[in-house]
PDB file of all heavy atoms in Angstrom:
ATOM      1  N   LEU A   1     -23.288   6.364 -43.226  1.00  0.00           N
ATOM      2  CA  LEU A   1     -23.730   5.001 -42.888  1.00  0.00           C
ATOM      3  C   LEU A   1     -25.163   4.962 -42.363  1.00  0.00           C
ATOM      4  O   LEU A   1     -25.695   3.881 -42.111  1.00  0.00           O
ATOM      5  CB  LEU A   1     -22.794   4.400 -41.832  1.00  0.00           C
ATOM      6  CG  LEU A   1     -21.314   4.248 -42.222  1.00  0.00           C
ATOM      7  CD1 LEU A   1     -20.535   3.604 -41.082  1.00  0.00           C
ATOM      8  CD2 LEU A   1     -21.163   3.448 -43.511  1.00  0.00           C
ATOM      9  N   LYS A   2     -25.764   6.130 -42.202  1.00  0.00           N
ATOM     10  CA  LYS A   2     -27.148   6.216 -41.697  1.00  0.00           C
ATOM     11  C   LYS A   2     -27.283   5.516 -40.343  1.00  0.00           C
ATOM     12  O   LYS A   2     -28.262   4.837 -40.068  1.00  0.00           O
ATOM     13  CB  LYS A   2     -28.139   5.596 -42.702  1.00  0.00           C
ATOM     14  CG  LYS A   2     -27.977   6.071 -44.137  1.00  0.00           C
ATOM     15  CD  LYS A   2     -28.120   7.584 -44.249  1.00  0.00           C
ATOM     16  CE  LYS A   2     -27.955   8.055 -45.698  1.00  0.00           C
ATOM     17  NZ  LYS A   2     -27.913   9.532 -45.819  1.00  0.00           N
ATOM     18  N   MET A   3     -26.288   5.723 -39.502  1.00  0.00           N
ATOM     19  CA  MET A   3     -26.282   5.132 -38.161  1.00  0.00           C
ATOM     20  C   MET A   3     -26.284   6.226 -37.102  1.00  0.00           C
ATOM     21  O   MET A   3     -25.686   7.279 -37.295  1.00  0.00           O
ATOM     22  CB  MET A   3     -25.013   4.287 -37.926  1.00  0.00           C
ATOM     23  CG  MET A   3     -24.909   3.019 -38.694  1.00  0.00           C
ATOM     24  SD  MET A   3     -23.336   2.218 -38.220  1.00  0.00           S
ATOM     25  CE  MET A   3     -23.344   0.841 -39.381  1.00  0.00           C
ATOM     26  N   ARG A   4     -26.913   5.936 -35.982  1.00  0.00           N
ATOM     27  CA  ARG A   4     -26.811   6.833 -34.844  1.00  0.00           C
ATOM     28  C   ARG A   4     -25.410   6.735 -34.265  1.00  0.00           C
ATOM     29  O   ARG A   4     -24.880   5.636 -34.084  1.00  0.00           O
ATOM     30  CB  ARG A   4     -27.842   6.453 -33.787  1.00  0.00           C
ATOM     31  CG  ARG A   4     -27.838   7.386 -32.583  1.00  0.00           C
ATOM     32  CD  ARG A   4     -28.782   6.898 -31.500  1.00  0.00           C
ATOM     33  NE  ARG A   4     -28.775   7.810 -30.362  1.00  0.00           N
ATOM     34  CZ  ARG A   4     -29.165   7.485 -29.152  1.00  0.00           C
ATOM     35  NH1 ARG A   4     -29.605   6.267 -28.912  1.00  0.00           N
ATOM     36  NH2 ARG A   4     -29.127   8.374 -28.181  1.00  0.00           N
ATOM     37  N   CYS A   5     -24.808   7.875 -33.979  1.00  0.00           N
ATOM     38  CA  CYS A   5     -23.442   7.876 -33.457  1.00  0.00           C
ATOM     39  C   CYS A   5     -23.296   8.963 -32.410  1.00  0.00           C
ATOM     40  O   CYS A   5     -23.540  10.145 -32.677  1.00  0.00           O
ATOM     41  CB  CYS A   5     -22.440   8.100 -34.597  1.00  0.00           C
ATOM     42  SG  CYS A   5     -20.714   8.015 -34.070  1.00  0.00           S
ATOM     43  N   ARG A   6     -22.914   8.578 -31.209  1.00  0.00           N
ATOM     44  CA  ARG A   6     -22.648   9.521 -30.127  1.00  0.00           C
ATOM     45  C   ARG A   6     -21.160   9.900 -30.141  1.00  0.00           C
ATOM     46  O   ARG A   6     -20.330   9.185 -30.711  1.00  0.00           O
ATOM     47  CB  ARG A   6     -22.993   8.915 -28.770  1.00  0.00           C
ATOM     48  CG  ARG A   6     -24.457   8.576 -28.589  1.00  0.00           C
ATOM     49  CD  ARG A   6     -24.679   7.930 -27.227  1.00  0.00           C
ATOM     50  NE  ARG A   6     -24.397   8.875 -26.159  1.00  0.00           N
ATOM     51  CZ  ARG A   6     -25.339   9.567 -25.500  1.00  0.00           C
ATOM     52  NH1 ARG A   6     -26.625   9.407 -25.815  1.00  0.00           N
ATOM     53  NH2 ARG A   6     -25.016  10.397 -24.530  1.00  0.00           N
ATOM     54  N   HIS A   7     -20.841  11.003 -29.486  1.00  0.00           N
ATOM     55  CA  HIS A   7     -19.439  11.403 -29.361  1.00  0.00           C
ATOM     56  C   HIS A   7     -19.188  11.893 -27.944  1.00  0.00           C
ATOM     57  O   HIS A   7     -20.021  12.570 -27.343  1.00  0.00           O
ATOM     58  CB  HIS A   7     -19.077  12.493 -30.376  1.00  0.00           C
ATOM     59  CG  HIS A   7     -19.978  13.688 -30.329  1.00  0.00           C
ATOM     60  ND1 HIS A   7     -19.760  14.764 -29.501  1.00  0.00           N
ATOM     61  CD2 HIS A   7     -21.122  13.968 -31.013  1.00  0.00           C
ATOM     62  CE1 HIS A   7     -20.720  15.658 -29.677  1.00  0.00           C
ATOM     63  NE2 HIS A   7     -21.568  15.199 -30.584  1.00  0.00           N
ATOM     64  N   GLU A   8     -18.037  11.503 -27.403  1.00  0.00           N
ATOM     65  CA  GLU A   8     -17.645  11.883 -26.050  1.00  0.00           C
ATOM     66  C   GLU A   8     -16.252  12.509 -26.115  1.00  0.00           C
ATOM     67  O   GLU A   8     -15.344  11.947 -26.733  1.00  0.00           O
ATOM     68  CB  GLU A   8     -17.601  10.659 -25.129  1.00  0.00           C
ATOM     69  CG  GLU A   8     -18.879   9.841 -25.082  1.00  0.00           C
ATOM     70  CD  GLU A   8     -19.998  10.542 -24.309  1.00  0.00           C
ATOM     71  OE1 GLU A   8     -19.692  11.510 -23.580  1.00  0.00           O
ATOM     72  OE2 GLU A   8     -21.160  10.117 -24.448  1.00  0.00           O
ATOM     73  N   ALA A   9     -16.085  13.665 -25.497  1.00  0.00           N
ATOM     74  CA  ALA A   9     -14.783  14.335 -25.492  1.00  0.00           C
ATOM     75  C   ALA A   9     -14.492  14.852 -24.084  1.00  0.00           C
ATOM     76  O   ALA A   9     -14.752  16.018 -23.775  1.00  0.00           O
ATOM     77  CB  ALA A   9     -14.768  15.480 -26.500  1.00  0.00           C
ATOM     78  N   PRO A  10     -13.972  14.002 -23.215  1.00  0.00           N
ATOM     79  CA  PRO A  10     -13.714  14.432 -21.838  1.00  0.00           C
ATOM     80  C   PRO A  10     -12.719  15.581 -21.730  1.00  0.00           C
ATOM     81  O   PRO A  10     -12.750  16.341 -20.770  1.00  0.00           O
ATOM     82  CB  PRO A  10     -13.179  13.160 -21.170  1.00  0.00           C
ATOM     83  CG  PRO A  10     -12.743  12.274 -22.278  1.00  0.00           C
ATOM     84  CD  PRO A  10     -13.619  12.592 -23.441  1.00  0.00           C
ATOM     85  N   GLY A  11     -11.830  15.715 -22.712  1.00  0.00           N
ATOM     86  CA  GLY A  11     -10.941  16.867 -22.745  1.00  0.00           C
ATOM     87  C   GLY A  11     -10.169  17.098 -21.470  1.00  0.00           C
ATOM     88  O   GLY A  11      -9.410  16.250 -21.004  1.00  0.00           O
ATOM     89  N   LEU A  12     -10.362  18.276 -20.862  1.00  0.00           N
ATOM     90  CA  LEU A  12      -9.598  18.657 -19.678  1.00  0.00           C
ATOM     91  C   LEU A  12      -9.843  17.731 -18.497  1.00  0.00           C
ATOM     92  O   LEU A  12      -8.989  17.597 -17.621  1.00  0.00           O
ATOM     93  CB  LEU A  12      -9.932  20.089 -19.269  1.00  0.00           C
ATOM     94  CG  LEU A  12      -9.707  21.183 -20.315  1.00  0.00           C
ATOM     95  CD1 LEU A  12      -9.960  22.547 -19.696  1.00  0.00           C
ATOM     96  CD2 LEU A  12      -8.301  21.114 -20.888  1.00  0.00           C
ATOM     97  N   LEU A  13     -11.010  17.077 -18.460  1.00  0.00           N
ATOM     98  CA  LEU A  13     -11.287  16.155 -17.355  1.00  0.00           C
ATOM     99  C   LEU A  13     -10.243  15.054 -17.296  1.00  0.00           C
ATOM    100  O   LEU A  13      -9.849  14.605 -16.218  1.00  0.00           O
ATOM    101  CB  LEU A  13     -12.683  15.547 -17.520  1.00  0.00           C
ATOM    102  CG  LEU A  13     -13.865  16.516 -17.456  1.00  0.00           C
ATOM    103  CD1 LEU A  13     -15.158  15.778 -17.777  1.00  0.00           C
ATOM    104  CD2 LEU A  13     -13.951  17.168 -16.086  1.00  0.00           C
ATOM    105  N   GLY A  14      -9.770  14.620 -18.452  1.00  0.00           N
ATOM    106  CA  GLY A  14      -8.806  13.528 -18.511  1.00  0.00           C
ATOM    107  C   GLY A  14      -7.441  13.889 -17.957  1.00  0.00           C
ATOM    108  O   GLY A  14      -6.737  13.043 -17.411  1.00  0.00           O
ATOM    109  N   ARG A  15      -7.048  15.141 -18.094  1.00  0.00           N
ATOM    110  CA  ARG A  15      -5.727  15.503 -17.592  1.00  0.00           C
ATOM    111  C   ARG A  15      -5.765  16.008 -16.151  1.00  0.00           C
ATOM    112  O   ARG A  15      -4.727  16.161 -15.519  1.00  0.00           O
ATOM    113  CB  ARG A  15      -5.075  16.544 -18.500  1.00  0.00           C
ATOM    114  CG  ARG A  15      -5.605  17.965 -18.368  1.00  0.00           C
ATOM    115  CD  ARG A  15      -4.916  18.885 -19.364  1.00  0.00           C
ATOM    116  NE  ARG A  15      -5.241  20.279 -19.126  1.00  0.00           N
ATOM    117  CZ  ARG A  15      -4.988  21.257 -19.991  1.00  0.00           C
ATOM    118  NH1 ARG A  15      -4.427  20.966 -21.153  1.00  0.00           N
ATOM    119  NH2 ARG A  15      -5.297  22.508 -19.703  1.00  0.00           N
ATOM    120  N   ALA A  16      -6.970  16.276 -15.638  1.00  0.00           N
ATOM    121  CA  ALA A  16      -7.094  16.836 -14.293  1.00  0.00           C
ATOM    122  C   ALA A  16      -7.549  15.822 -13.257  1.00  0.00           C
ATOM    123  O   ALA A  16      -7.655  16.157 -12.080  1.00  0.00           O
ATOM    124  CB  ALA A  16      -8.081  18.008 -14.319  1.00  0.00           C
ATOM    125  N   SER A  17      -7.820  14.583 -13.661  1.00  0.00           N
ATOM    126  CA  SER A  17      -8.443  13.624 -12.759  1.00  0.00           C
ATOM    127  C   SER A  17      -7.442  13.017 -11.775  1.00  0.00           C
ATOM    128  O   SER A  17      -6.669  12.118 -12.124  1.00  0.00           O
ATOM    129  CB  SER A  17      -9.123  12.506 -13.562  1.00  0.00           C
ATOM    130  OG  SER A  17      -9.661  11.542 -12.689  1.00  0.00           O
ATOM    131  N   ILE A  18      -7.472  13.480 -10.543  1.00  0.00           N
ATOM    132  CA  ILE A  18      -6.609  12.923  -9.512  1.00  0.00           C
ATOM    133  C   ILE A  18      -7.068  11.511  -9.134  1.00  0.00           C
ATOM    134  O   ILE A  18      -6.276  10.679  -8.677  1.00  0.00           O
ATOM    135  CB  ILE A  18      -6.595  13.843  -8.271  1.00  0.00           C
ATOM    136  CG1 ILE A  18      -5.372  13.544  -7.381  1.00  0.00           C
ATOM    137  CG2 ILE A  18      -7.875  13.737  -7.477  1.00  0.00           C
ATOM    138  CD1 ILE A  18      -4.087  14.124  -7.908  1.00  0.00           C
ATOM    139  N   ALA A  19      -8.347  11.202  -9.365  1.00  0.00           N
ATOM    140  CA  ALA A  19      -8.874   9.874  -9.038  1.00  0.00           C
ATOM    141  C   ALA A  19      -8.247   8.788  -9.910  1.00  0.00           C
ATOM    142  O   ALA A  19      -8.214   7.621  -9.520  1.00  0.00           O
ATOM    143  CB  ALA A  19     -10.394   9.853  -9.204  1.00  0.00           C
ATOM    144  N   HIS A  20      -7.757   9.170 -11.083  1.00  0.00           N
ATOM    145  CA  HIS A  20      -7.139   8.201 -11.983  1.00  0.00           C
ATOM    146  C   HIS A  20      -5.612   8.304 -11.971  1.00  0.00           C
ATOM    147  O   HIS A  20      -4.949   7.777 -12.864  1.00  0.00           O
ATOM    148  CB  HIS A  20      -7.650   8.417 -13.416  1.00  0.00           C
ATOM    149  CG  HIS A  20      -9.091   8.068 -13.591  1.00  0.00           C
ATOM    150  ND1 HIS A  20     -10.108   8.931 -13.245  1.00  0.00           N
ATOM    151  CD2 HIS A  20      -9.688   6.953 -14.073  1.00  0.00           C
ATOM    152  CE1 HIS A  20     -11.265   8.364 -13.514  1.00  0.00           C
ATOM    153  NE2 HIS A  20     -11.046   7.168 -14.007  1.00  0.00           N
ATOM    154  N   ARG A  21      -5.070   8.957 -10.965  1.00  0.00           N
ATOM    155  CA  ARG A  21      -3.616   9.141 -10.921  1.00  0.00           C
ATOM    156  C   ARG A  21      -2.892   7.794 -10.893  1.00  0.00           C
ATOM    157  O   ARG A  21      -3.237   6.892 -10.134  1.00  0.00           O
ATOM    158  CB  ARG A  21      -3.225   9.962  -9.698  1.00  0.00           C
ATOM    159  CG  ARG A  21      -1.748  10.320  -9.639  1.00  0.00           C
ATOM    160  CD  ARG A  21      -1.441  11.231  -8.463  1.00  0.00           C
ATOM    161  NE  ARG A  21      -1.708  10.572  -7.189  1.00  0.00           N
ATOM    162  CZ  ARG A  21      -1.589  11.178  -6.005  1.00  0.00           C
ATOM    163  NH1 ARG A  21      -1.246  12.449  -5.953  1.00  0.00           N
ATOM    164  NH2 ARG A  21      -1.826  10.507  -4.895  1.00  0.00           N
ATOM    165  N   SER A  22      -1.903   7.683 -11.714  1.00  0.00           N
ATOM    166  CA  SER A  22      -1.092   6.474 -11.788  1.00  0.00           C
ATOM    167  C   SER A  22       0.003   6.506 -10.723  1.00  0.00           C
ATOM    168  O   SER A  22       0.657   7.534 -10.524  1.00  0.00           O
ATOM    169  CB  SER A  22      -0.469   6.374 -13.191  1.00  0.00           C
ATOM    170  OG  SER A  22       0.739   5.648 -13.175  1.00  0.00           O
ATOM    171  N   ALA A  23       0.217   5.376 -10.079  1.00  0.00           N
ATOM    172  CA  ALA A  23       1.256   5.302  -9.047  1.00  0.00           C
ATOM    173  C   ALA A  23       2.631   5.575  -9.641  1.00  0.00           C
ATOM    174  O   ALA A  23       3.462   6.276  -9.044  1.00  0.00           O
ATOM    175  CB  ALA A  23       1.229   3.928  -8.378  1.00  0.00           C
ATOM    176  N   GLN A  24       2.892   5.049 -10.835  1.00  0.00           N
ATOM    177  CA  GLN A  24       4.179   5.274 -11.486  1.00  0.00           C
ATOM    178  C   GLN A  24       4.335   6.745 -11.857  1.00  0.00           C
ATOM    179  O   GLN A  24       5.420   7.320 -11.743  1.00  0.00           O
ATOM    180  CB  GLN A  24       4.292   4.402 -12.742  1.00  0.00           C
ATOM    181  CG  GLN A  24       5.631   4.515 -13.461  1.00  0.00           C
ATOM    182  CD  GLN A  24       6.780   4.003 -12.622  1.00  0.00           C
ATOM    183  OE1 GLN A  24       6.736   2.889 -12.101  1.00  0.00           O
ATOM    184  NE2 GLN A  24       7.833   4.816 -12.476  1.00  0.00           N
ATOM    185  N   ASP A  25       3.244   7.362 -12.264  1.00  0.00           N
ATOM    186  CA  ASP A  25       3.276   8.769 -12.648  1.00  0.00           C
ATOM    187  C   ASP A  25       3.648   9.650 -11.460  1.00  0.00           C
ATOM    188  O   ASP A  25       4.457  10.579 -11.586  1.00  0.00           O
ATOM    189  CB  ASP A  25       1.902   9.168 -13.191  1.00  0.00           C
ATOM    190  CG  ASP A  25       1.962  10.350 -14.131  1.00  0.00           C
ATOM    191  OD1 ASP A  25       3.039  10.624 -14.705  1.00  0.00           O
ATOM    192  OD2 ASP A  25       0.918  10.999 -14.329  1.00  0.00           O
ATOM    193  N   LEU A  26       3.078   9.374 -10.318  1.00  0.00           N
ATOM    194  CA  LEU A  26       3.398  10.143  -9.116  1.00  0.00           C
ATOM    195  C   LEU A  26       4.870   9.985  -8.753  1.00  0.00           C
ATOM    196  O   LEU A  26       5.556  10.971  -8.449  1.00  0.00           O
ATOM    197  CB  LEU A  26       2.515   9.695  -7.944  1.00  0.00           C
ATOM    198  CG  LEU A  26       2.796  10.360  -6.598  1.00  0.00           C
ATOM    199  CD1 LEU A  26       2.627  11.871  -6.676  1.00  0.00           C
ATOM    200  CD2 LEU A  26       1.890   9.772  -5.514  1.00  0.00           C
ATOM    201  N   GLN A  27       5.367   8.769  -8.808  1.00  0.00           N
ATOM    202  CA  GLN A  27       6.781   8.540  -8.500  1.00  0.00           C
ATOM    203  C   GLN A  27       7.678   9.263  -9.496  1.00  0.00           C
ATOM    204  O   GLN A  27       8.687   9.882  -9.121  1.00  0.00           O
ATOM    205  CB  GLN A  27       7.084   7.041  -8.511  1.00  0.00           C
ATOM    206  CG  GLN A  27       8.510   6.694  -8.075  1.00  0.00           C
ATOM    207  CD  GLN A  27       8.778   7.118  -6.644  1.00  0.00           C
ATOM    208  OE1 GLN A  27       8.086   6.712  -5.734  1.00  0.00           O
ATOM    209  NE2 GLN A  27       9.791   7.948  -6.450  1.00  0.00           N
ATOM    210  N   ASP A  28       7.305   9.214 -10.771  1.00  0.00           N
ATOM    211  CA  ASP A  28       8.089   9.899 -11.803  1.00  0.00           C
ATOM    212  C   ASP A  28       8.133  11.403 -11.560  1.00  0.00           C
ATOM    213  O   ASP A  28       9.179  12.047 -11.717  1.00  0.00           O
ATOM    214  CB  ASP A  28       7.494   9.630 -13.188  1.00  0.00           C
ATOM    215  CG  ASP A  28       7.727   8.219 -13.687  1.00  0.00           C
ATOM    216  OD1 ASP A  28       8.576   7.521 -13.113  1.00  0.00           O
ATOM    217  OD2 ASP A  28       7.055   7.816 -14.646  1.00  0.00           O
ATOM    218  N   ALA A  29       6.981  11.976 -11.185  1.00  0.00           N
ATOM    219  CA  ALA A  29       6.903  13.418 -10.956  1.00  0.00           C
ATOM    220  C   ALA A  29       7.822  13.848  -9.822  1.00  0.00           C
ATOM    221  O   ALA A  29       8.450  14.919  -9.878  1.00  0.00           O
ATOM    222  CB  ALA A  29       5.456  13.820 -10.651  1.00  0.00           C
ATOM    223  N   VAL A  30       7.911  13.027  -8.800  1.00  0.00           N
ATOM    224  CA  VAL A  30       8.793  13.327  -7.668  1.00  0.00           C
ATOM    225  C   VAL A  30      10.253  13.139  -8.063  1.00  0.00           C
ATOM    226  O   VAL A  30      11.120  13.966  -7.749  1.00  0.00           O
ATOM    227  CB  VAL A  30       8.426  12.450  -6.462  1.00  0.00           C
ATOM    228  CG1 VAL A  30       9.454  12.591  -5.342  1.00  0.00           C
ATOM    229  CG2 VAL A  30       7.026  12.797  -5.949  1.00  0.00           C
ATOM    230  N   ASP A  31      10.544  12.061  -8.774  1.00  0.00           N
ATOM    231  CA  ASP A  31      11.933  11.753  -9.156  1.00  0.00           C
ATOM    232  C   ASP A  31      12.540  12.854 -10.014  1.00  0.00           C
ATOM    233  O   ASP A  31      13.689  13.266  -9.793  1.00  0.00           O
ATOM    234  CB  ASP A  31      11.993  10.427  -9.907  1.00  0.00           C
ATOM    235  CG  ASP A  31      11.803   9.218  -9.000  1.00  0.00           C
ATOM    236  OD1 ASP A  31      11.910   9.372  -7.770  1.00  0.00           O
ATOM    237  OD2 ASP A  31      11.533   8.124  -9.522  1.00  0.00           O
ATOM    238  N   VAL A  32      11.797  13.326 -11.018  1.00  0.00           N
ATOM    239  CA  VAL A  32      12.366  14.344 -11.903  1.00  0.00           C
ATOM    240  C   VAL A  32      12.581  15.658 -11.149  1.00  0.00           C
ATOM    241  O   VAL A  32      13.540  16.404 -11.432  1.00  0.00           O
ATOM    242  CB  VAL A  32      11.482  14.582 -13.151  1.00  0.00           C
ATOM    243  CG1 VAL A  32      11.440  13.335 -14.026  1.00  0.00           C
ATOM    244  CG2 VAL A  32      10.071  15.033 -12.796  1.00  0.00           C
ATOM    245  N   ALA A  33      11.724  15.947 -10.180  1.00  0.00           N
ATOM    246  CA  ALA A  33      11.867  17.182  -9.405  1.00  0.00           C
ATOM    247  C   ALA A  33      13.123  17.141  -8.531  1.00  0.00           C
ATOM    248  O   ALA A  33      13.904  18.102  -8.502  1.00  0.00           O
ATOM    249  CB  ALA A  33      10.627  17.399  -8.547  1.00  0.00           C
ATOM    250  N   ILE A  34      13.307  16.041  -7.841  1.00  0.00           N
ATOM    251  CA  ILE A  34      14.484  15.913  -6.961  1.00  0.00           C
ATOM    252  C   ILE A  34      15.765  16.001  -7.790  1.00  0.00           C
ATOM    253  O   ILE A  34      16.706  16.726  -7.437  1.00  0.00           O
ATOM    254  CB  ILE A  34      14.419  14.594  -6.172  1.00  0.00           C
ATOM    255  CG1 ILE A  34      13.272  14.645  -5.160  1.00  0.00           C
ATOM    256  CG2 ILE A  34      15.745  14.319  -5.473  1.00  0.00           C
ATOM    257  CD1 ILE A  34      13.021  13.330  -4.449  1.00  0.00           C
ATOM    258  N   THR A  35      15.796  15.266  -8.892  1.00  0.00           N
ATOM    259  CA  THR A  35      16.982  15.308  -9.758  1.00  0.00           C
ATOM    260  C   THR A  35      17.202  16.705 -10.314  1.00  0.00           C
ATOM    261  O   THR A  35      18.338  17.172 -10.421  1.00  0.00           O
ATOM    262  CB  THR A  35      16.836  14.304 -10.917  1.00  0.00           C
ATOM    263  OG1 THR A  35      16.680  12.993 -10.392  1.00  0.00           O
ATOM    264  CG2 THR A  35      18.057  14.335 -11.827  1.00  0.00           C
ATOM    265  N   GLY A  36      16.114  17.390 -10.666  1.00  0.00           N
ATOM    266  CA  GLY A  36      16.227  18.730 -11.223  1.00  0.00           C
ATOM    267  C   GLY A  36      16.845  19.712 -10.252  1.00  0.00           C
ATOM    268  O   GLY A  36      17.729  20.501 -10.618  1.00  0.00           O
ATOM    269  N   VAL A  37      16.412  19.688  -9.004  1.00  0.00           N
ATOM    270  CA  VAL A  37      16.981  20.584  -7.987  1.00  0.00           C
ATOM    271  C   VAL A  37      18.458  20.263  -7.763  1.00  0.00           C
ATOM    272  O   VAL A  37      19.308  21.160  -7.700  1.00  0.00           O
ATOM    273  CB  VAL A  37      16.192  20.479  -6.663  1.00  0.00           C
ATOM    274  CG1 VAL A  37      16.900  21.252  -5.553  1.00  0.00           C
ATOM    275  CG2 VAL A  37      14.773  20.987  -6.847  1.00  0.00           C
ATOM    276  N   GLN A  38      18.762  18.981  -7.659  1.00  0.00           N
ATOM    277  CA  GLN A  38      20.147  18.581  -7.436  1.00  0.00           C
ATOM    278  C   GLN A  38      21.047  19.000  -8.598  1.00  0.00           C
ATOM    279  O   GLN A  38      22.165  19.487  -8.397  1.00  0.00           O
ATOM    280  CB  GLN A  38      20.234  17.072  -7.215  1.00  0.00           C
ATOM    281  CG  GLN A  38      19.580  16.619  -5.922  1.00  0.00           C
ATOM    282  CD  GLN A  38      19.520  15.103  -5.792  1.00  0.00           C
ATOM    283  OE1 GLN A  38      19.777  14.366  -6.744  1.00  0.00           O
ATOM    284  NE2 GLN A  38      19.177  14.629  -4.592  1.00  0.00           N
ATOM    285  N   ALA A  39      20.538  18.828  -9.825  1.00  0.00           N
ATOM    286  CA  ALA A  39      21.312  19.219 -11.005  1.00  0.00           C
ATOM    287  C   ALA A  39      21.560  20.725 -11.015  1.00  0.00           C
ATOM    288  O   ALA A  39      22.665  21.193 -11.326  1.00  0.00           O
ATOM    289  CB  ALA A  39      20.582  18.783 -12.272  1.00  0.00           C
ATOM    290  N   LEU A  40      20.527  21.485 -10.667  1.00  0.00           N
ATOM    291  CA  LEU A  40      20.643  22.944 -10.659  1.00  0.00           C
ATOM    292  C   LEU A  40      21.681  23.408  -9.646  1.00  0.00           C
ATOM    293  O   LEU A  40      22.511  24.269  -9.944  1.00  0.00           O
ATOM    294  CB  LEU A  40      19.280  23.553 -10.333  1.00  0.00           C
ATOM    295  CG  LEU A  40      19.147  25.067 -10.496  1.00  0.00           C
ATOM    296  CD1 LEU A  40      19.243  25.467 -11.958  1.00  0.00           C
ATOM    297  CD2 LEU A  40      17.821  25.557  -9.905  1.00  0.00           C
ATOM    298  N   LEU A  41      21.648  22.811  -8.460  1.00  0.00           N
ATOM    299  CA  LEU A  41      22.574  23.233  -7.395  1.00  0.00           C
ATOM    300  C   LEU A  41      23.988  22.696  -7.606  1.00  0.00           C
ATOM    301  O   LEU A  41      24.931  23.164  -6.968  1.00  0.00           O
ATOM    302  CB  LEU A  41      22.035  22.779  -6.034  1.00  0.00           C
ATOM    303  CG  LEU A  41      20.676  23.378  -5.647  1.00  0.00           C
ATOM    304  CD1 LEU A  41      20.229  22.863  -4.286  1.00  0.00           C
ATOM    305  CD2 LEU A  41      20.721  24.904  -5.658  1.00  0.00           C
ATOM    306  N   ASN A  42      24.120  21.728  -8.519  1.00  0.00           N
ATOM    307  CA  ASN A  42      25.446  21.196  -8.859  1.00  0.00           C
ATOM    308  C   ASN A  42      25.973  21.775 -10.166  1.00  0.00           C
ATOM    309  O   ASN A  42      26.869  21.217 -10.802  1.00  0.00           O
ATOM    310  CB  ASN A  42      25.397  19.665  -8.947  1.00  0.00           C
ATOM    311  CG  ASN A  42      25.259  19.011  -7.587  1.00  0.00           C
ATOM    312  OD1 ASN A  42      25.837  19.485  -6.609  1.00  0.00           O
ATOM    313  ND2 ASN A  42      24.500  17.938  -7.508  1.00  0.00           N
ATOM    314  N   ASN A  43      25.363  22.908 -10.576  1.00  0.00           N
ATOM    315  CA  ASN A  43      25.833  23.660 -11.744  1.00  0.00           C
ATOM    316  C   ASN A  43      25.771  22.883 -13.056  1.00  0.00           C
ATOM    317  O   ASN A  43      26.591  23.088 -13.952  1.00  0.00           O
ATOM    318  CB  ASN A  43      27.276  24.164 -11.514  1.00  0.00           C
ATOM    319  CG  ASN A  43      27.378  25.059 -10.295  1.00  0.00           C
ATOM    320  OD1 ASN A  43      26.564  25.952 -10.101  1.00  0.00           O
ATOM    321  ND2 ASN A  43      28.381  24.798  -9.459  1.00  0.00           N
ATOM    322  N   GLN A  44      24.771  21.990 -13.174  1.00  0.00           N
ATOM    323  CA  GLN A  44      24.575  21.263 -14.435  1.00  0.00           C
ATOM    324  C   GLN A  44      23.573  22.035 -15.285  1.00  0.00           C
ATOM    325  O   GLN A  44      22.463  21.586 -15.573  1.00  0.00           O
ATOM    326  CB  GLN A  44      24.125  19.832 -14.137  1.00  0.00           C
ATOM    327  CG  GLN A  44      25.243  19.028 -13.475  1.00  0.00           C
ATOM    328  CD  GLN A  44      24.784  17.651 -13.025  1.00  0.00           C
ATOM    329  OE1 GLN A  44      23.892  17.517 -12.186  1.00  0.00           O
ATOM    330  NE2 GLN A  44      25.413  16.628 -13.579  1.00  0.00           N
ATOM    331  N   ASN A  45      24.006  23.195 -15.679  1.00  0.00           N
ATOM    332  CA  ASN A  45      23.169  24.164 -16.376  1.00  0.00           C
ATOM    333  C   ASN A  45      22.780  23.679 -17.778  1.00  0.00           C
ATOM    334  O   ASN A  45      23.522  22.944 -18.434  1.00  0.00           O
ATOM    335  CB  ASN A  45      23.943  25.483 -16.475  1.00  0.00           C
ATOM    336  CG  ASN A  45      23.166  26.578 -17.142  1.00  0.00           C
ATOM    337  OD1 ASN A  45      21.963  26.708 -16.940  1.00  0.00           O
ATOM    338  ND2 ASN A  45      23.849  27.372 -17.952  1.00  0.00           N
TER     339      ASN A  45
END
């Protein structure tokens, strides 16, 4: 197209950014952990 075109690839920055942490994501991370421990100790192998 004979156009100037920039490219941006944040890559690992996007998955490591605590500044952009989602409130729902944090709650989900805690919920699955608690359930996982409980399931393990209740022999839900």
